[in-house]
Amino acid sequence: MTAKPSRKQESRATTMVPVTTMEELLVLSDEEREKLLADLRTAEAEAAAGQSVEFDPEAFERVARRAQ
């Protein structure tokens, strides 16, 4: 027996489709939602005013390790 097909196979058209996954998310209370939105507005205002700093993954990791 041969490992290869006896005739050359035609190439087939392929299509890429988006994949959706289901994830559990916490539902925020009204107070938590308002605090989150206020914090986001503050952060956006600071960034617009040029008061933001570039993300440093190494420094972030050091702080995260200390918090554990």
PDB file of N, CA and C in Angstrom:
ATOM      1  N   MET A   1       0.846  -1.194   0.000  1.00  0.00           N
ATOM      2  CA  MET A   1       0.000   0.000   0.000  1.00  0.00           C
ATOM      3  C   MET A   1       0.881   1.244   0.000  1.00  0.00           C
ATOM      4  N   THR A   2       0.404   2.227  -0.664  1.00  0.00           N
ATOM      5  CA  THR A   2       1.126   3.490  -0.722  1.00  0.00           C
ATOM      6  C   THR A   2       0.557   4.461   0.293  1.00  0.00           C
ATOM      7  N   ALA A   3       1.426   5.304   0.844  1.00  0.00           N
ATOM      8  CA  ALA A   3       0.990   6.265   1.844  1.00  0.00           C
ATOM      9  C   ALA A   3       0.367   7.499   1.207  1.00  0.00           C
ATOM     10  N   LYS A   4       0.670   7.725  -0.066  1.00  0.00           N
ATOM     11  CA  LYS A   4       0.152   8.912  -0.743  1.00  0.00           C
ATOM     12  C   LYS A   4      -1.101   8.559  -1.534  1.00  0.00           C
ATOM     13  N   PRO A   5      -2.027   9.514  -1.663  1.00  0.00           N
ATOM     14  CA  PRO A   5      -3.193   9.237  -2.496  1.00  0.00           C
ATOM     15  C   PRO A   5      -2.759   9.071  -3.946  1.00  0.00           C
ATOM     16  N   SER A   6      -3.495   8.265  -4.681  1.00  0.00           N
ATOM     17  CA  SER A   6      -3.125   7.971  -6.061  1.00  0.00           C
ATOM     18  C   SER A   6      -3.299   9.176  -6.981  1.00  0.00           C
ATOM     19  N   ARG A   7      -4.180  10.075  -6.653  1.00  0.00           N
ATOM     20  CA  ARG A   7      -4.338  11.274  -7.481  1.00  0.00           C
ATOM     21  C   ARG A   7      -4.132  12.507  -6.604  1.00  0.00           C
ATOM     22  N   LYS A   8      -3.729  13.550  -7.243  1.00  0.00           N
ATOM     23  CA  LYS A   8      -3.469  14.792  -6.523  1.00  0.00           C
ATOM     24  C   LYS A   8      -4.797  15.402  -6.054  1.00  0.00           C
ATOM     25  N   GLN A   9      -4.884  15.727  -4.753  1.00  0.00           N
ATOM     26  CA  GLN A   9      -6.111  16.312  -4.226  1.00  0.00           C
ATOM     27  C   GLN A   9      -6.184  17.791  -4.577  1.00  0.00           C
ATOM     28  N   GLU A  10      -7.376  18.237  -4.900  1.00  0.00           N
ATOM     29  CA  GLU A  10      -7.583  19.649  -5.182  1.00  0.00           C
ATOM     30  C   GLU A  10      -7.547  20.419  -3.872  1.00  0.00           C
ATOM     31  N   SER A  11      -7.013  21.629  -3.923  1.00  0.00           N
ATOM     32  CA  SER A  11      -7.019  22.436  -2.704  1.00  0.00           C
ATOM     33  C   SER A  11      -8.443  22.900  -2.442  1.00  0.00           C
ATOM     34  N   ARG A  12      -8.775  22.987  -1.183  1.00  0.00           N
ATOM     35  CA  ARG A  12     -10.139  23.357  -0.812  1.00  0.00           C
ATOM     36  C   ARG A  12     -10.138  24.780  -0.273  1.00  0.00           C
ATOM     37  N   ALA A  13     -11.210  25.472  -0.507  1.00  0.00           N
ATOM     38  CA  ALA A  13     -11.360  26.824   0.016  1.00  0.00           C
ATOM     39  C   ALA A  13     -11.578  26.753   1.519  1.00  0.00           C
ATOM     40  N   THR A  14     -11.011  27.698   2.229  1.00  0.00           N
ATOM     41  CA  THR A  14     -11.208  27.759   3.673  1.00  0.00           C
ATOM     42  C   THR A  14     -11.758  29.125   4.044  1.00  0.00           C
ATOM     43  N   THR A  15     -12.387  29.175   5.177  1.00  0.00           N
ATOM     44  CA  THR A  15     -12.962  30.413   5.684  1.00  0.00           C
ATOM     45  C   THR A  15     -12.603  30.550   7.145  1.00  0.00           C
ATOM     46  N   MET A  16     -12.235  31.742   7.547  1.00  0.00           N
ATOM     47  CA  MET A  16     -11.967  31.999   8.955  1.00  0.00           C
ATOM     48  C   MET A  16     -13.224  32.586   9.570  1.00  0.00           C
ATOM     49  N   VAL A  17     -13.595  32.081  10.731  1.00  0.00           N
ATOM     50  CA  VAL A  17     -14.782  32.575  11.419  1.00  0.00           C
ATOM     51  C   VAL A  17     -14.394  33.009  12.824  1.00  0.00           C
ATOM     52  N   PRO A  18     -15.053  34.004  13.364  1.00  0.00           N
ATOM     53  CA  PRO A  18     -14.743  34.409  14.735  1.00  0.00           C
ATOM     54  C   PRO A  18     -15.184  33.332  15.721  1.00  0.00           C
ATOM     55  N   VAL A  19     -14.427  33.225  16.783  1.00  0.00           N
ATOM     56  CA  VAL A  19     -14.740  32.245  17.817  1.00  0.00           C
ATOM     57  C   VAL A  19     -15.216  33.000  19.049  1.00  0.00           C
ATOM     58  N   THR A  20     -16.329  32.585  19.568  1.00  0.00           N
ATOM     59  CA  THR A  20     -16.831  33.212  20.784  1.00  0.00           C
ATOM     60  C   THR A  20     -16.708  32.226  21.929  1.00  0.00           C
ATOM     61  N   THR A  21     -16.391  32.739  23.079  1.00  0.00           N
ATOM     62  CA  THR A  21     -16.290  31.894  24.264  1.00  0.00           C
ATOM     63  C   THR A  21     -17.211  32.452  25.329  1.00  0.00           C
ATOM     64  N   MET A  22     -17.612  31.606  26.202  1.00  0.00           N
ATOM     65  CA  MET A  22     -18.454  32.032  27.307  1.00  0.00           C
ATOM     66  C   MET A  22     -17.567  32.233  28.523  1.00  0.00           C
ATOM     67  N   GLU A  23     -17.683  33.361  29.161  1.00  0.00           N
ATOM     68  CA  GLU A  23     -16.935  33.650  30.370  1.00  0.00           C
ATOM     69  C   GLU A  23     -17.879  34.175  31.427  1.00  0.00           C
ATOM     70  N   GLU A  24     -17.563  33.834  32.659  1.00  0.00           N
ATOM     71  CA  GLU A  24     -18.367  34.350  33.757  1.00  0.00           C
ATOM     72  C   GLU A  24     -17.818  35.710  34.162  1.00  0.00           C
ATOM     73  N   LEU A  25     -18.698  36.661  34.309  1.00  0.00           N
ATOM     74  CA  LEU A  25     -18.320  38.008  34.728  1.00  0.00           C
ATOM     75  C   LEU A  25     -19.126  38.375  35.960  1.00  0.00           C
ATOM     76  N   LEU A  26     -18.471  39.102  36.838  1.00  0.00           N
ATOM     77  CA  LEU A  26     -19.180  39.571  38.017  1.00  0.00           C
ATOM     78  C   LEU A  26     -20.144  40.683  37.621  1.00  0.00           C
ATOM     79  N   VAL A  27     -21.267  40.702  38.245  1.00  0.00           N
ATOM     80  CA  VAL A  27     -22.234  41.771  38.026  1.00  0.00           C
ATOM     81  C   VAL A  27     -21.966  42.826  39.091  1.00  0.00           C
ATOM     82  N   LEU A  28     -21.698  44.034  38.655  1.00  0.00           N
ATOM     83  CA  LEU A  28     -21.387  45.109  39.587  1.00  0.00           C
ATOM     84  C   LEU A  28     -22.661  45.689  40.185  1.00  0.00           C
ATOM     85  N   SER A  29     -22.551  46.059  41.439  1.00  0.00           N
ATOM     86  CA  SER A  29     -23.669  46.772  42.063  1.00  0.00           C
ATOM     87  C   SER A  29     -23.680  48.190  41.486  1.00  0.00           C
ATOM     88  N   ASP A  30     -24.737  48.931  41.747  1.00  0.00           N
ATOM     89  CA  ASP A  30     -24.826  50.307  41.249  1.00  0.00           C
ATOM     90  C   ASP A  30     -23.674  51.162  41.774  1.00  0.00           C
ATOM     91  N   GLU A  31     -23.321  50.976  43.057  1.00  0.00           N
ATOM     92  CA  GLU A  31     -22.233  51.755  43.660  1.00  0.00           C
ATOM     93  C   GLU A  31     -20.890  51.383  43.027  1.00  0.00           C
ATOM     94  N   GLU A  32     -20.659  50.077  42.821  1.00  0.00           N
ATOM     95  CA  GLU A  32     -19.400  49.636  42.211  1.00  0.00           C
ATOM     96  C   GLU A  32     -19.276  50.143  40.775  1.00  0.00           C
ATOM     97  N   ARG A  33     -20.379  50.123  40.062  1.00  0.00           N
ATOM     98  CA  ARG A  33     -20.377  50.602  38.678  1.00  0.00           C
ATOM     99  C   ARG A  33     -20.059  52.090  38.622  1.00  0.00           C
ATOM    100  N   GLU A  34     -20.677  52.873  39.478  1.00  0.00           N
ATOM    101  CA  GLU A  34     -20.412  54.313  39.505  1.00  0.00           C
ATOM    102  C   GLU A  34     -18.959  54.615  39.868  1.00  0.00           C
ATOM    103  N   LYS A  35     -18.396  53.869  40.830  1.00  0.00           N
ATOM    104  CA  LYS A  35     -16.997  54.063  41.215  1.00  0.00           C
ATOM    105  C   LYS A  35     -16.074  53.706  40.055  1.00  0.00           C
ATOM    106  N   LEU A  36     -16.356  52.605  39.370  1.00  0.00           N
ATOM    107  CA  LEU A  36     -15.547  52.207  38.225  1.00  0.00           C
ATOM    108  C   LEU A  36     -15.579  53.269  37.135  1.00  0.00           C
ATOM    109  N   LEU A  37     -16.777  53.761  36.812  1.00  0.00           N
ATOM    110  CA  LEU A  37     -16.898  54.792  35.785  1.00  0.00           C
ATOM    111  C   LEU A  37     -16.192  56.082  36.182  1.00  0.00           C
ATOM    112  N   ALA A  38     -16.281  56.452  37.466  1.00  0.00           N
ATOM    113  CA  ALA A  38     -15.598  57.655  37.937  1.00  0.00           C
ATOM    114  C   ALA A  38     -14.089  57.485  37.837  1.00  0.00           C
ATOM    115  N   ASP A  39     -13.579  56.310  38.213  1.00  0.00           N
ATOM    116  CA  ASP A  39     -12.141  56.043  38.112  1.00  0.00           C
ATOM    117  C   ASP A  39     -11.675  56.073  36.656  1.00  0.00           C
ATOM    118  N   LEU A  40     -12.491  55.525  35.744  1.00  0.00           N
ATOM    119  CA  LEU A  40     -12.131  55.553  34.332  1.00  0.00           C
ATOM    120  C   LEU A  40     -12.117  56.977  33.789  1.00  0.00           C
ATOM    121  N   ARG A  41     -13.099  57.779  34.182  1.00  0.00           N
ATOM    122  CA  ARG A  41     -13.125  59.186  33.745  1.00  0.00           C
ATOM    123  C   ARG A  41     -11.893  59.934  34.261  1.00  0.00           C
ATOM    124  N   THR A  42     -11.521  59.674  35.511  1.00  0.00           N
ATOM    125  CA  THR A  42     -10.338  60.314  36.096  1.00  0.00           C
ATOM    126  C   THR A  42      -9.087  59.916  35.328  1.00  0.00           C
ATOM    127  N   ALA A  43      -8.955  58.625  35.031  1.00  0.00           N
ATOM    128  CA  ALA A  43      -7.791  58.138  34.295  1.00  0.00           C
ATOM    129  C   ALA A  43      -7.733  58.734  32.889  1.00  0.00           C
ATOM    130  N   GLU A  44      -8.874  58.827  32.223  1.00  0.00           N
ATOM    131  CA  GLU A  44      -8.904  59.421  30.886  1.00  0.00           C
ATOM    132  C   GLU A  44      -8.523  60.894  30.930  1.00  0.00           C
ATOM    133  N   ALA A  45      -8.982  61.616  31.944  1.00  0.00           N
ATOM    134  CA  ALA A  45      -8.652  63.040  32.077  1.00  0.00           C
ATOM    135  C   ALA A  45      -7.155  63.216  32.340  1.00  0.00           C
ATOM    136  N   GLU A  46      -6.581  62.351  33.190  1.00  0.00           N
ATOM    137  CA  GLU A  46      -5.145  62.426  33.466  1.00  0.00           C
ATOM    138  C   GLU A  46      -4.337  62.132  32.205  1.00  0.00           C
ATOM    139  N   ALA A  47      -4.767  61.135  31.429  1.00  0.00           N
ATOM    140  CA  ALA A  47      -4.061  60.803  30.195  1.00  0.00           C
ATOM    141  C   ALA A  47      -4.152  61.950  29.194  1.00  0.00           C
ATOM    142  N   ALA A  48      -5.326  62.567  29.085  1.00  0.00           N
ATOM    143  CA  ALA A  48      -5.508  63.690  28.162  1.00  0.00           C
ATOM    144  C   ALA A  48      -4.666  64.890  28.570  1.00  0.00           C
ATOM    145  N   ALA A  49      -4.435  65.048  29.892  1.00  0.00           N
ATOM    146  CA  ALA A  49      -3.641  66.173  30.387  1.00  0.00           C
ATOM    147  C   ALA A  49      -2.145  65.870  30.363  1.00  0.00           C
ATOM    148  N   GLY A  50      -1.778  64.671  29.894  1.00  0.00           N
ATOM    149  CA  GLY A  50      -0.361  64.310  29.827  1.00  0.00           C
ATOM    150  C   GLY A  50       0.217  63.877  31.152  1.00  0.00           C
ATOM    151  N   GLN A  51      -0.613  63.492  32.091  1.00  0.00           N
ATOM    152  CA  GLN A  51      -0.141  63.100  33.420  1.00  0.00           C
ATOM    153  C   GLN A  51      -0.024  61.583  33.561  1.00  0.00           C
ATOM    154  N   SER A  52      -0.066  60.862  32.456  1.00  0.00           N
ATOM    155  CA  SER A  52       0.031  59.404  32.534  1.00  0.00           C
ATOM    156  C   SER A  52       1.484  58.974  32.372  1.00  0.00           C
ATOM    157  N   VAL A  53       1.778  57.757  32.776  1.00  0.00           N
ATOM    158  CA  VAL A  53       3.117  57.204  32.612  1.00  0.00           C
ATOM    159  C   VAL A  53       3.024  55.957  31.750  1.00  0.00           C
ATOM    160  N   GLU A  54       4.107  55.649  31.059  1.00  0.00           N
ATOM    161  CA  GLU A  54       4.129  54.467  30.216  1.00  0.00           C
ATOM    162  C   GLU A  54       4.111  53.212  31.079  1.00  0.00           C
ATOM    163  N   PHE A  55       3.381  52.213  30.645  1.00  0.00           N
ATOM    164  CA  PHE A  55       3.270  50.959  31.380  1.00  0.00           C
ATOM    165  C   PHE A  55       4.619  50.255  31.395  1.00  0.00           C
ATOM    166  N   ASP A  56       5.068  49.862  32.577  1.00  0.00           N
ATOM    167  CA  ASP A  56       6.309  49.126  32.756  1.00  0.00           C
ATOM    168  C   ASP A  56       5.952  47.761  33.335  1.00  0.00           C
ATOM    169  N   PRO A  57       5.951  46.702  32.517  1.00  0.00           N
ATOM    170  CA  PRO A  57       5.518  45.398  33.002  1.00  0.00           C
ATOM    171  C   PRO A  57       6.380  44.859  34.150  1.00  0.00           C
ATOM    172  N   GLU A  58       7.675  45.155  34.158  1.00  0.00           N
ATOM    173  CA  GLU A  58       8.539  44.671  35.230  1.00  0.00           C
ATOM    174  C   GLU A  58       8.194  45.336  36.560  1.00  0.00           C
ATOM    175  N   ALA A  59       7.976  46.630  36.536  1.00  0.00           N
ATOM    176  CA  ALA A  59       7.606  47.334  37.763  1.00  0.00           C
ATOM    177  C   ALA A  59       6.233  46.860  38.243  1.00  0.00           C
ATOM    178  N   PHE A  60       5.317  46.644  37.322  1.00  0.00           N
ATOM    179  CA  PHE A  60       3.991  46.166  37.683  1.00  0.00           C
ATOM    180  C   PHE A  60       4.085  44.805  38.362  1.00  0.00           C
ATOM    181  N   GLU A  61       4.936  43.936  37.818  1.00  0.00           N
ATOM    182  CA  GLU A  61       5.090  42.604  38.395  1.00  0.00           C
ATOM    183  C   GLU A  61       5.696  42.679  39.793  1.00  0.00           C
ATOM    184  N   ARG A  62       6.679  43.565  39.991  1.00  0.00           N
ATOM    185  CA  ARG A  62       7.278  43.720  41.331  1.00  0.00           C
ATOM    186  C   ARG A  62       6.232  44.164  42.347  1.00  0.00           C
ATOM    187  N   VAL A  63       5.408  45.123  41.982  1.00  0.00           N
ATOM    188  CA  VAL A  63       4.369  45.609  42.890  1.00  0.00           C
ATOM    189  C   VAL A  63       3.348  44.509  43.161  1.00  0.00           C
ATOM    190  N   ALA A  64       2.990  43.754  42.131  1.00  0.00           N
ATOM    191  CA  ALA A  64       2.023  42.679  42.289  1.00  0.00           C
ATOM    192  C   ALA A  64       2.559  41.594  43.223  1.00  0.00           C
ATOM    193  N   ARG A  65       3.839  41.292  43.120  1.00  0.00           N
ATOM    194  CA  ARG A  65       4.426  40.282  43.998  1.00  0.00           C
ATOM    195  C   ARG A  65       4.419  40.741  45.447  1.00  0.00           C
ATOM    196  N   ARG A  66       4.695  42.027  45.658  1.00  0.00           N
ATOM    197  CA  ARG A  66       4.699  42.564  47.045  1.00  0.00           C
ATOM    198  C   ARG A  66       3.305  42.524  47.654  1.00  0.00           C
ATOM    199  N   ALA A  67       2.294  42.676  46.835  1.00  0.00           N
ATOM    200  CA  ALA A  67       0.915  42.726  47.327  1.00  0.00           C
ATOM    201  C   ALA A  67       0.402  41.353  47.738  1.00  0.00           C
ATOM    202  N   GLN A  68       1.076  40.291  47.323  1.00  0.00           N
ATOM    203  CA  GLN A  68       0.596  38.941  47.628  1.00  0.00           C
ATOM    204  C   GLN A  68       0.856  38.562  49.046  1.00  0.00           C
TER     205      GLN A  68
END
